[in-house]
Amino acid sequence: MILFTVSILLAFYILKYKPIIGLIQGLSSLGYLAAFILGMLFTYALTSVPAAAVLYNLGGLLNPLVVAFVGAFGSVISDYLIFRFVRDKLLNEIKLLSDEINNITKPVTDILLPKNLLIILWKSISRSRIWKLIIPVIAGLIIASPLPDELGVALFGAAKYEPKKFIIYSYFLNFAGILVISYVGHV
């Protein structure tokens, strides 16, 4: 979390540097290859705003449908990297941290709460049908929007969605988001 916060602050100052902005905007000269690269950048919090701006410009120069088609492939690659990290690595780290916190706070929680009440509640919520329907909707809205995809992808990863289903969702959601941005740039 500390590294993420530092990276956001660093990105804020780097993106104020005009040569970096010029480099990002110069990507549009690469045509549809730029759409793929920008699709990858569209996913991350640090680069989503500049990538959306250049995708907007690309929509005015190229066919917005093809820009979205190609850009969504780049987004899927970035989203899948985040998905695998959350699903395979981060959840284990969170569980270890949770176990350590539980060991420290166990005497207090045993007095205040019935034993394992939170665990029972969490399991019943996370296994419910409504939960399984809500996660893709919330995560999908985040992924399809120009907002960074990390939170939406993390929700899919935390819910342990199958990678094949996630890739399909991610592609179509990113396609829709990029299509809207590039089409507005075309108009």
N, C-alpha and C. Protein backbone atom coordinates (compact mmCIF):
# COMPACT_ATOMS: atom_id res chain seq x y z
N MET A 1 0.82 -1.19 0.00
CA MET A 1 0.00 0.00 0.00
C MET A 1 0.87 1.26 0.00
N ILE A 2 1.98 1.19 0.71
CA ILE A 2 2.89 2.35 0.75
C ILE A 2 3.48 2.59 -0.63
N LEU A 3 3.92 1.52 -1.28
CA LEU A 3 4.48 1.66 -2.63
C LEU A 3 3.43 2.17 -3.61
N PHE A 4 2.19 1.73 -3.48
CA PHE A 4 1.12 2.20 -4.36
C PHE A 4 0.90 3.69 -4.17
N THR A 5 0.85 4.13 -2.93
CA THR A 5 0.66 5.55 -2.64
C THR A 5 1.82 6.38 -3.19
N VAL A 6 3.03 5.89 -2.97
CA VAL A 6 4.20 6.60 -3.49
C VAL A 6 4.17 6.65 -5.01
N SER A 7 3.75 5.56 -5.65
CA SER A 7 3.71 5.54 -7.12
C SER A 7 2.67 6.52 -7.67
N ILE A 8 1.56 6.68 -6.96
CA ILE A 8 0.55 7.66 -7.40
C ILE A 8 1.11 9.07 -7.31
N LEU A 9 1.76 9.37 -6.20
CA LEU A 9 2.36 10.70 -6.05
C LEU A 9 3.45 10.94 -7.09
N LEU A 10 4.26 9.92 -7.34
CA LEU A 10 5.31 10.03 -8.35
C LEU A 10 4.71 10.23 -9.74
N ALA A 11 3.66 9.49 -10.05
CA ALA A 11 3.01 9.64 -11.36
C ALA A 11 2.42 11.03 -11.52
N PHE A 12 1.87 11.57 -10.46
CA PHE A 12 1.30 12.91 -10.52
C PHE A 12 2.37 13.92 -10.94
N TYR A 13 3.54 13.82 -10.35
CA TYR A 13 4.61 14.78 -10.69
C TYR A 13 5.24 14.48 -12.05
N ILE A 14 5.35 13.21 -12.40
CA ILE A 14 5.91 12.86 -13.70
C ILE A 14 4.99 13.33 -14.82
N LEU A 15 3.68 13.18 -14.63
CA LEU A 15 2.74 13.55 -15.68
C LEU A 15 2.58 15.07 -15.82
N LYS A 16 3.16 15.81 -14.92
CA LYS A 16 3.19 17.26 -15.07
C LYS A 16 4.38 17.68 -15.95
N TYR A 17 5.28 16.75 -16.20
CA TYR A 17 6.48 17.00 -16.99
C TYR A 17 6.11 16.93 -18.47
N LYS A 18 6.22 18.04 -19.19
CA LYS A 18 5.73 18.16 -20.57
C LYS A 18 6.33 17.14 -21.54
N PRO A 19 7.63 16.81 -21.47
CA PRO A 19 8.13 15.79 -22.40
C PRO A 19 7.45 14.42 -22.25
N ILE A 20 7.08 14.06 -21.04
CA ILE A 20 6.38 12.79 -20.83
C ILE A 20 5.00 12.84 -21.49
N ILE A 21 4.30 13.95 -21.30
CA ILE A 21 2.99 14.12 -21.92
C ILE A 21 3.13 14.10 -23.44
N GLY A 22 4.17 14.75 -23.96
CA GLY A 22 4.41 14.74 -25.40
C GLY A 22 4.67 13.33 -25.92
N LEU A 23 5.41 12.54 -25.14
CA LEU A 23 5.69 11.15 -25.53
C LEU A 23 4.39 10.35 -25.59
N ILE A 24 3.54 10.50 -24.59
CA ILE A 24 2.28 9.76 -24.58
C ILE A 24 1.40 10.18 -25.75
N GLN A 25 1.32 11.47 -26.01
CA GLN A 25 0.50 11.95 -27.12
C GLN A 25 1.12 11.57 -28.47
N GLY A 26 2.44 11.45 -28.52
CA GLY A 26 3.11 11.05 -29.76
C GLY A 26 2.84 9.61 -30.14
N LEU A 27 2.32 8.83 -29.21
CA LEU A 27 1.98 7.44 -29.52
C LEU A 27 0.94 7.34 -30.62
N SER A 28 0.12 8.37 -30.78
CA SER A 28 -0.94 8.30 -31.78
C SER A 28 -0.39 8.16 -33.20
N SER A 29 0.87 8.50 -33.39
CA SER A 29 1.47 8.34 -34.72
C SER A 29 1.72 6.86 -35.07
N LEU A 30 1.61 5.98 -34.08
CA LEU A 30 1.82 4.55 -34.32
C LEU A 30 0.57 3.85 -34.84
N GLY A 31 -0.54 4.56 -34.94
CA GLY A 31 -1.77 3.98 -35.47
C GLY A 31 -2.38 2.96 -34.53
N TYR A 32 -2.76 1.82 -35.07
CA TYR A 32 -3.45 0.80 -34.28
C TYR A 32 -2.53 0.13 -33.27
N LEU A 33 -1.23 0.13 -33.51
CA LEU A 33 -0.30 -0.37 -32.50
C LEU A 33 -0.39 0.50 -31.25
N ALA A 34 -0.60 1.80 -31.45
CA ALA A 34 -0.78 2.72 -30.32
C ALA A 34 -2.04 2.34 -29.54
N ALA A 35 -3.08 1.91 -30.23
CA ALA A 35 -4.32 1.51 -29.55
C ALA A 35 -4.05 0.33 -28.62
N PHE A 36 -3.23 -0.61 -29.08
CA PHE A 36 -2.88 -1.77 -28.25
C PHE A 36 -2.10 -1.33 -27.02
N ILE A 37 -1.07 -0.51 -27.23
CA ILE A 37 -0.24 -0.03 -26.12
C ILE A 37 -1.08 0.81 -25.15
N LEU A 38 -1.90 1.68 -25.69
CA LEU A 38 -2.75 2.52 -24.85
C LEU A 38 -3.80 1.71 -24.12
N GLY A 39 -4.25 0.61 -24.73
CA GLY A 39 -5.16 -0.29 -24.03
C GLY A 39 -4.50 -0.86 -22.78
N MET A 40 -3.22 -1.22 -22.91
CA MET A 40 -2.48 -1.71 -21.75
C MET A 40 -2.36 -0.62 -20.69
N LEU A 41 -2.09 0.60 -21.11
CA LEU A 41 -1.93 1.71 -20.17
C LEU A 41 -3.26 2.16 -19.59
N PHE A 42 -4.35 1.91 -20.31
CA PHE A 42 -5.69 2.31 -19.88
C PHE A 42 -6.11 1.62 -18.58
N THR A 43 -5.48 0.51 -18.27
CA THR A 43 -5.83 -0.31 -17.11
C THR A 43 -5.32 0.26 -15.80
N TYR A 44 -4.13 0.83 -15.80
CA TYR A 44 -3.46 1.18 -14.55
C TYR A 44 -3.80 2.59 -14.07
N ALA A 45 -3.88 2.74 -12.77
CA ALA A 45 -4.24 4.02 -12.15
C ALA A 45 -3.30 5.14 -12.58
N LEU A 46 -2.05 4.83 -12.74
CA LEU A 46 -1.05 5.86 -13.03
C LEU A 46 -1.14 6.37 -14.46
N THR A 47 -1.68 5.57 -15.35
CA THR A 47 -1.66 5.95 -16.77
C THR A 47 -3.04 5.97 -17.43
N SER A 48 -4.09 5.72 -16.67
CA SER A 48 -5.41 5.62 -17.29
C SER A 48 -5.89 6.95 -17.88
N VAL A 49 -5.64 8.05 -17.19
CA VAL A 49 -6.11 9.34 -17.70
C VAL A 49 -5.37 9.75 -18.98
N PRO A 50 -4.02 9.70 -19.00
CA PRO A 50 -3.36 10.03 -20.27
C PRO A 50 -3.72 9.07 -21.39
N ALA A 51 -3.87 7.78 -21.07
CA ALA A 51 -4.23 6.80 -22.10
C ALA A 51 -5.61 7.09 -22.65
N ALA A 52 -6.55 7.45 -21.78
CA ALA A 52 -7.91 7.79 -22.25
C ALA A 52 -7.87 9.02 -23.16
N ALA A 53 -7.03 9.99 -22.82
CA ALA A 53 -6.94 11.20 -23.65
C ALA A 53 -6.40 10.87 -25.04
N VAL A 54 -5.41 10.01 -25.09
CA VAL A 54 -4.83 9.66 -26.39
C VAL A 54 -5.79 8.75 -27.17
N LEU A 55 -6.50 7.86 -26.48
CA LEU A 55 -7.51 7.04 -27.16
C LEU A 55 -8.61 7.93 -27.74
N TYR A 56 -8.94 8.98 -27.05
CA TYR A 56 -9.89 9.98 -27.54
C TYR A 56 -9.37 10.59 -28.85
N ASN A 57 -8.08 10.97 -28.85
CA ASN A 57 -7.47 11.53 -30.06
C ASN A 57 -7.41 10.50 -31.18
N LEU A 58 -7.08 9.25 -30.84
CA LEU A 58 -7.03 8.19 -31.86
C LEU A 58 -8.39 7.98 -32.51
N GLY A 59 -9.44 8.12 -31.71
CA GLY A 59 -10.79 7.97 -32.26
C GLY A 59 -11.08 8.98 -33.36
N GLY A 60 -10.46 10.17 -33.26
CA GLY A 60 -10.65 11.18 -34.29
C GLY A 60 -9.82 10.91 -35.53
N LEU A 61 -8.73 10.15 -35.38
CA LEU A 61 -7.83 9.86 -36.50
C LEU A 61 -8.11 8.53 -37.18
N LEU A 62 -8.54 7.53 -36.41
CA LEU A 62 -8.72 6.17 -36.93
C LEU A 62 -10.17 5.72 -36.70
N ASN A 63 -10.48 4.54 -37.18
CA ASN A 63 -11.80 3.96 -36.99
C ASN A 63 -11.98 3.61 -35.51
N PRO A 64 -12.96 4.23 -34.81
CA PRO A 64 -13.12 3.98 -33.37
C PRO A 64 -13.43 2.53 -33.03
N LEU A 65 -14.13 1.83 -33.92
CA LEU A 65 -14.45 0.43 -33.67
C LEU A 65 -13.18 -0.42 -33.65
N VAL A 66 -12.28 -0.17 -34.58
CA VAL A 66 -11.03 -0.93 -34.63
C VAL A 66 -10.12 -0.52 -33.47
N VAL A 67 -10.11 0.77 -33.13
CA VAL A 67 -9.32 1.23 -31.97
C VAL A 67 -9.77 0.48 -30.72
N ALA A 68 -11.09 0.36 -30.52
CA ALA A 68 -11.62 -0.35 -29.36
C ALA A 68 -11.30 -1.84 -29.43
N PHE A 69 -11.41 -2.43 -30.61
CA PHE A 69 -11.13 -3.86 -30.79
C PHE A 69 -9.68 -4.17 -30.41
N VAL A 70 -8.75 -3.37 -30.92
CA VAL A 70 -7.32 -3.60 -30.66
C VAL A 70 -6.95 -3.19 -29.23
N GLY A 71 -7.47 -2.04 -28.79
CA GLY A 71 -7.14 -1.55 -27.45
C GLY A 71 -7.61 -2.49 -26.36
N ALA A 72 -8.74 -3.16 -26.57
CA ALA A 72 -9.26 -4.09 -25.56
C ALA A 72 -8.32 -5.27 -25.37
N PHE A 73 -7.63 -5.70 -26.43
CA PHE A 73 -6.64 -6.79 -26.27
C PHE A 73 -5.51 -6.36 -25.34
N GLY A 74 -5.04 -5.14 -25.50
CA GLY A 74 -4.00 -4.63 -24.60
C GLY A 74 -4.49 -4.55 -23.17
N SER A 75 -5.73 -4.10 -23.00
CA SER A 75 -6.29 -4.00 -21.65
C SER A 75 -6.43 -5.37 -20.99
N VAL A 76 -6.81 -6.36 -21.76
CA VAL A 76 -6.96 -7.71 -21.21
C VAL A 76 -5.63 -8.22 -20.68
N ILE A 77 -4.56 -7.96 -21.39
CA ILE A 77 -3.25 -8.42 -20.92
C ILE A 77 -2.92 -7.80 -19.57
N SER A 78 -3.09 -6.49 -19.45
CA SER A 78 -2.81 -5.82 -18.19
C SER A 78 -3.76 -6.28 -17.09
N ASP A 79 -5.04 -6.40 -17.41
CA ASP A 79 -6.01 -6.85 -16.42
C ASP A 79 -5.69 -8.26 -15.93
N TYR A 80 -5.27 -9.13 -16.85
CA TYR A 80 -4.97 -10.51 -16.47
C TYR A 80 -3.77 -10.57 -15.52
N LEU A 81 -2.78 -9.72 -15.76
CA LEU A 81 -1.63 -9.67 -14.84
C LEU A 81 -2.08 -9.28 -13.43
N ILE A 82 -2.94 -8.29 -13.34
CA ILE A 82 -3.46 -7.87 -12.04
C ILE A 82 -4.31 -8.98 -11.43
N PHE A 83 -5.16 -9.60 -12.24
CA PHE A 83 -6.03 -10.68 -11.77
C PHE A 83 -5.21 -11.81 -11.17
N ARG A 84 -4.18 -12.24 -11.87
CA ARG A 84 -3.36 -13.36 -11.36
C ARG A 84 -2.62 -12.96 -10.08
N PHE A 85 -2.14 -11.72 -10.04
CA PHE A 85 -1.44 -11.25 -8.84
C PHE A 85 -2.39 -11.27 -7.64
N VAL A 86 -3.59 -10.73 -7.80
CA VAL A 86 -4.56 -10.68 -6.69
C VAL A 86 -4.97 -12.09 -6.31
N ARG A 87 -5.29 -12.87 -7.30
CA ARG A 87 -5.83 -14.20 -7.03
C ARG A 87 -4.77 -15.14 -6.43
N ASP A 88 -3.54 -15.07 -6.93
CA ASP A 88 -2.52 -16.02 -6.52
C ASP A 88 -1.64 -15.53 -5.37
N LYS A 89 -1.37 -14.24 -5.32
CA LYS A 89 -0.39 -13.74 -4.35
C LYS A 89 -1.03 -12.88 -3.26
N LEU A 90 -1.78 -11.88 -3.65
CA LEU A 90 -2.27 -10.90 -2.70
C LEU A 90 -3.23 -11.49 -1.67
N LEU A 91 -4.12 -12.38 -2.10
CA LEU A 91 -5.07 -12.96 -1.16
C LEU A 91 -4.37 -13.77 -0.07
N ASN A 92 -3.28 -14.45 -0.42
CA ASN A 92 -2.51 -15.18 0.58
C ASN A 92 -1.87 -14.23 1.58
N GLU A 93 -1.34 -13.11 1.08
CA GLU A 93 -0.73 -12.11 1.96
C GLU A 93 -1.77 -11.50 2.89
N ILE A 94 -2.95 -11.21 2.37
CA ILE A 94 -4.02 -10.65 3.19
C ILE A 94 -4.44 -11.65 4.27
N LYS A 95 -4.51 -12.93 3.91
CA LYS A 95 -4.87 -13.94 4.89
C LYS A 95 -3.83 -14.02 6.00
N LEU A 96 -2.55 -13.98 5.64
CA LEU A 96 -1.50 -14.01 6.66
C LEU A 96 -1.59 -12.79 7.57
N LEU A 97 -1.80 -11.62 7.00
CA LEU A 97 -1.93 -10.40 7.79
C LEU A 97 -3.16 -10.48 8.68
N SER A 98 -4.25 -10.99 8.15
CA SER A 98 -5.48 -11.14 8.93
C SER A 98 -5.27 -12.08 10.10
N ASP A 99 -4.55 -13.18 9.88
CA ASP A 99 -4.26 -14.12 10.96
C ASP A 99 -3.43 -13.45 12.05
N GLU A 100 -2.45 -12.64 11.67
CA GLU A 100 -1.63 -11.93 12.65
C GLU A 100 -2.46 -10.94 13.45
N ILE A 101 -3.32 -10.20 12.77
CA ILE A 101 -4.18 -9.23 13.46
C ILE A 101 -5.14 -9.96 14.40
N ASN A 102 -5.69 -11.09 13.94
CA ASN A 102 -6.60 -11.87 14.79
C ASN A 102 -5.90 -12.37 16.04
N ASN A 103 -4.63 -12.78 15.90
CA ASN A 103 -3.88 -13.24 17.07
C ASN A 103 -3.68 -12.13 18.08
N ILE A 104 -3.47 -10.91 17.58
CA ILE A 104 -3.24 -9.77 18.48
C ILE A 104 -4.55 -9.34 19.15
N THR A 105 -5.64 -9.31 18.38
CA THR A 105 -6.92 -8.80 18.90
C THR A 105 -7.83 -9.89 19.44
N LYS A 106 -7.40 -11.13 19.44
CA LYS A 106 -8.25 -12.24 19.85
C LYS A 106 -8.82 -12.07 21.26
N PRO A 107 -8.05 -11.69 22.26
CA PRO A 107 -8.65 -11.55 23.59
C PRO A 107 -9.79 -10.53 23.63
N VAL A 108 -9.67 -9.43 22.89
CA VAL A 108 -10.70 -8.40 22.89
C VAL A 108 -11.92 -8.87 22.12
N THR A 109 -11.72 -9.44 20.94
CA THR A 109 -12.86 -9.86 20.13
C THR A 109 -13.61 -11.04 20.76
N ASP A 110 -12.91 -11.89 21.49
CA ASP A 110 -13.59 -13.01 22.16
C ASP A 110 -14.56 -12.51 23.21
N ILE A 111 -14.24 -11.39 23.84
CA ILE A 111 -15.13 -10.82 24.85
C ILE A 111 -16.31 -10.11 24.19
N LEU A 112 -16.03 -9.32 23.12
CA LEU A 112 -17.06 -8.48 22.50
C LEU A 112 -17.97 -9.22 21.53
N LEU A 113 -17.46 -10.20 20.83
CA LEU A 113 -18.24 -10.91 19.81
C LEU A 113 -18.28 -12.40 20.11
N PRO A 114 -19.39 -13.02 19.78
CA PRO A 114 -19.43 -14.48 19.90
C PRO A 114 -18.36 -15.10 18.99
N LYS A 115 -17.85 -16.20 19.41
CA LYS A 115 -16.75 -16.85 18.70
C LYS A 115 -17.10 -17.11 17.23
N ASN A 116 -16.23 -16.69 16.35
CA ASN A 116 -16.30 -16.92 14.91
C ASN A 116 -17.53 -16.30 14.23
N LEU A 117 -18.19 -15.33 14.85
CA LEU A 117 -19.36 -14.70 14.24
C LEU A 117 -19.00 -14.02 12.92
N LEU A 118 -17.88 -13.30 12.90
CA LEU A 118 -17.48 -12.61 11.68
C LEU A 118 -17.16 -13.60 10.57
N ILE A 119 -16.53 -14.69 10.90
CA ILE A 119 -16.20 -15.72 9.90
C ILE A 119 -17.48 -16.32 9.33
N ILE A 120 -18.45 -16.61 10.18
CA ILE A 120 -19.71 -17.18 9.72
C ILE A 120 -20.45 -16.18 8.83
N LEU A 121 -20.49 -14.92 9.26
CA LEU A 121 -21.15 -13.90 8.44
C LEU A 121 -20.48 -13.76 7.09
N TRP A 122 -19.14 -13.67 7.07
CA TRP A 122 -18.43 -13.50 5.80
C TRP A 122 -18.67 -14.68 4.87
N LYS A 123 -18.61 -15.88 5.40
CA LYS A 123 -18.82 -17.06 4.56
C LYS A 123 -20.24 -17.09 3.99
N SER A 124 -21.21 -16.71 4.79
CA SER A 124 -22.58 -16.74 4.29
C SER A 124 -22.80 -15.66 3.23
N ILE A 125 -22.18 -14.49 3.40
CA ILE A 125 -22.32 -13.43 2.41
C ILE A 125 -21.59 -13.80 1.13
N SER A 126 -20.35 -14.25 1.24
CA SER A 126 -19.54 -14.51 0.05
C SER A 126 -20.04 -15.71 -0.75
N ARG A 127 -20.82 -16.58 -0.15
CA ARG A 127 -21.35 -17.74 -0.87
C ARG A 127 -22.76 -17.52 -1.40
N SER A 128 -23.34 -16.38 -1.07
CA SER A 128 -24.72 -16.15 -1.48
C SER A 128 -24.82 -15.88 -2.98
N ARG A 129 -25.98 -16.15 -3.52
CA ARG A 129 -26.25 -15.95 -4.95
C ARG A 129 -26.19 -14.47 -5.31
N ILE A 130 -26.71 -13.63 -4.44
CA ILE A 130 -26.71 -12.18 -4.69
C ILE A 130 -25.27 -11.67 -4.80
N TRP A 131 -24.41 -12.13 -3.93
CA TRP A 131 -22.99 -11.71 -3.94
C TRP A 131 -22.36 -12.07 -5.28
N LYS A 132 -22.63 -13.25 -5.76
CA LYS A 132 -22.04 -13.68 -7.03
C LYS A 132 -22.60 -12.90 -8.22
N LEU A 133 -23.79 -12.34 -8.07
CA LEU A 133 -24.35 -11.50 -9.12
C LEU A 133 -23.87 -10.05 -9.02
N ILE A 134 -23.66 -9.59 -7.80
CA ILE A 134 -23.27 -8.19 -7.59
C ILE A 134 -21.81 -7.95 -7.97
N ILE A 135 -20.93 -8.88 -7.65
CA ILE A 135 -19.50 -8.70 -7.94
C ILE A 135 -19.24 -8.41 -9.41
N PRO A 136 -19.76 -9.20 -10.37
CA PRO A 136 -19.46 -8.88 -11.76
C PRO A 136 -20.05 -7.55 -12.21
N VAL A 137 -21.19 -7.16 -11.63
CA VAL A 137 -21.80 -5.89 -12.03
C VAL A 137 -20.95 -4.72 -11.55
N ILE A 138 -20.59 -4.72 -10.28
CA ILE A 138 -19.77 -3.63 -9.73
C ILE A 138 -18.40 -3.61 -10.41
N ALA A 139 -17.76 -4.77 -10.47
CA ALA A 139 -16.44 -4.85 -11.10
C ALA A 139 -16.51 -4.48 -12.57
N GLY A 140 -17.56 -4.89 -13.24
CA GLY A 140 -17.73 -4.57 -14.65
C GLY A 140 -17.88 -3.08 -14.89
N LEU A 141 -18.65 -2.41 -14.05
CA LEU A 141 -18.79 -0.96 -14.19
C LEU A 141 -17.45 -0.26 -14.01
N ILE A 142 -16.67 -0.74 -13.07
CA ILE A 142 -15.35 -0.14 -12.84
C ILE A 142 -14.44 -0.38 -14.04
N ILE A 143 -14.41 -1.60 -14.55
CA ILE A 143 -13.53 -1.93 -15.67
C ILE A 143 -13.96 -1.19 -16.94
N ALA A 144 -15.23 -1.09 -17.19
CA ALA A 144 -15.70 -0.44 -18.42
C ALA A 144 -15.53 1.07 -18.38
N SER A 145 -15.46 1.63 -17.19
CA SER A 145 -15.33 3.08 -17.07
C SER A 145 -13.88 3.51 -17.31
N PRO A 146 -13.66 4.80 -17.48
CA PRO A 146 -12.28 5.28 -17.62
C PRO A 146 -11.50 5.24 -16.30
N LEU A 147 -12.16 4.83 -15.23
CA LEU A 147 -11.46 4.69 -13.96
C LEU A 147 -10.44 3.55 -14.07
N PRO A 148 -9.40 3.59 -13.25
CA PRO A 148 -8.43 2.49 -13.27
C PRO A 148 -9.10 1.16 -12.96
N ASP A 149 -8.62 0.11 -13.59
CA ASP A 149 -9.24 -1.21 -13.47
C ASP A 149 -8.84 -2.00 -12.23
N GLU A 150 -7.85 -1.55 -11.49
CA GLU A 150 -7.31 -2.36 -10.41
C GLU A 150 -8.38 -2.86 -9.44
N LEU A 151 -9.27 -1.97 -9.00
CA LEU A 151 -10.29 -2.38 -8.03
C LEU A 151 -11.26 -3.39 -8.63
N GLY A 152 -11.72 -3.15 -9.84
CA GLY A 152 -12.63 -4.09 -10.49
C GLY A 152 -11.99 -5.45 -10.71
N VAL A 153 -10.75 -5.45 -11.17
CA VAL A 153 -10.03 -6.71 -11.39
C VAL A 153 -9.78 -7.41 -10.07
N ALA A 154 -9.46 -6.64 -9.03
CA ALA A 154 -9.23 -7.23 -7.71
C ALA A 154 -10.50 -7.89 -7.19
N LEU A 155 -11.66 -7.30 -7.47
CA LEU A 155 -12.92 -7.92 -7.05
C LEU A 155 -13.12 -9.27 -7.75
N PHE A 156 -12.83 -9.33 -9.05
CA PHE A 156 -12.92 -10.60 -9.77
C PHE A 156 -11.92 -11.61 -9.19
N GLY A 157 -10.71 -11.15 -8.90
CA GLY A 157 -9.69 -12.04 -8.35
C GLY A 157 -10.06 -12.54 -6.96
N ALA A 158 -10.56 -11.63 -6.12
CA ALA A 158 -10.95 -12.00 -4.75
C ALA A 158 -12.13 -12.96 -4.75
N ALA A 159 -13.00 -12.81 -5.73
CA ALA A 159 -14.15 -13.71 -5.84
C ALA A 159 -13.77 -15.04 -6.49
N LYS A 160 -12.51 -15.18 -6.85
CA LYS A 160 -11.98 -16.42 -7.43
C LYS A 160 -12.71 -16.83 -8.71
N TYR A 161 -12.95 -15.84 -9.59
CA TYR A 161 -13.56 -16.16 -10.88
C TYR A 161 -12.60 -16.97 -11.71
N GLU A 162 -13.16 -17.80 -12.58
CA GLU A 162 -12.33 -18.60 -13.48
C GLU A 162 -11.60 -17.66 -14.43
N PRO A 163 -10.31 -17.93 -14.70
CA PRO A 163 -9.55 -17.05 -15.60
C PRO A 163 -10.18 -16.89 -16.98
N LYS A 164 -10.74 -17.97 -17.55
CA LYS A 164 -11.34 -17.87 -18.89
C LYS A 164 -12.53 -16.92 -18.89
N LYS A 165 -13.39 -17.04 -17.88
CA LYS A 165 -14.54 -16.14 -17.79
C LYS A 165 -14.07 -14.70 -17.57
N PHE A 166 -13.07 -14.55 -16.72
CA PHE A 166 -12.56 -13.21 -16.45
C PHE A 166 -12.02 -12.55 -17.72
N ILE A 167 -11.28 -13.31 -18.52
CA ILE A 167 -10.71 -12.76 -19.76
C ILE A 167 -11.82 -12.30 -20.70
N ILE A 168 -12.87 -13.09 -20.81
CA ILE A 168 -14.00 -12.71 -21.68
C ILE A 168 -14.67 -11.45 -21.15
N TYR A 169 -14.97 -11.43 -19.84
CA TYR A 169 -15.58 -10.23 -19.24
C TYR A 169 -14.69 -9.02 -19.47
N SER A 170 -13.42 -9.17 -19.17
CA SER A 170 -12.48 -8.06 -19.26
C SER A 170 -12.41 -7.51 -20.68
N TYR A 171 -12.37 -8.42 -21.65
CA TYR A 171 -12.28 -7.95 -23.04
C TYR A 171 -13.50 -7.12 -23.41
N PHE A 172 -14.68 -7.66 -23.19
CA PHE A 172 -15.89 -6.95 -23.61
C PHE A 172 -16.12 -5.66 -22.82
N LEU A 173 -15.79 -5.67 -21.54
CA LEU A 173 -15.96 -4.45 -20.74
C LEU A 173 -14.99 -3.36 -21.19
N ASN A 174 -13.73 -3.74 -21.41
CA ASN A 174 -12.75 -2.76 -21.88
C ASN A 174 -13.07 -2.30 -23.30
N PHE A 175 -13.55 -3.22 -24.12
CA PHE A 175 -13.96 -2.86 -25.48
C PHE A 175 -15.04 -1.77 -25.42
N ALA A 176 -16.04 -1.97 -24.57
CA ALA A 176 -17.12 -0.98 -24.45
C ALA A 176 -16.58 0.36 -23.96
N GLY A 177 -15.72 0.35 -22.95
CA GLY A 177 -15.18 1.59 -22.42
C GLY A 177 -14.33 2.34 -23.42
N ILE A 178 -13.46 1.62 -24.12
CA ILE A 178 -12.59 2.25 -25.12
C ILE A 178 -13.41 2.71 -26.32
N LEU A 179 -14.42 1.94 -26.70
CA LEU A 179 -15.27 2.34 -27.82
C LEU A 179 -15.97 3.66 -27.53
N VAL A 180 -16.49 3.82 -26.34
CA VAL A 180 -17.17 5.07 -25.99
C VAL A 180 -16.19 6.24 -26.07
N ILE A 181 -15.00 6.07 -25.51
CA ILE A 181 -14.01 7.16 -25.52
C ILE A 181 -13.57 7.48 -26.93
N SER A 182 -13.23 6.46 -27.71
CA SER A 182 -12.74 6.71 -29.07
C SER A 182 -13.86 7.23 -29.98
N TYR A 183 -15.09 6.76 -29.77
CA TYR A 183 -16.20 7.24 -30.59
C TYR A 183 -16.51 8.70 -30.29
N VAL A 184 -16.44 9.09 -29.05
CA VAL A 184 -16.65 10.51 -28.70
C VAL A 184 -15.56 11.35 -29.35
N GLY A 185 -14.35 10.83 -29.39
CA GLY A 185 -13.26 11.54 -30.09
C GLY A 185 -13.49 11.62 -31.59
N HIS A 186 -14.17 10.63 -32.13
CA HIS A 186 -14.47 10.61 -33.57
C HIS A 186 -15.54 11.63 -33.91
N VAL A 187 -16.50 11.77 -33.02
CA VAL A 187 -17.62 12.69 -33.24
C VAL A 187 -17.09 14.09 -33.02
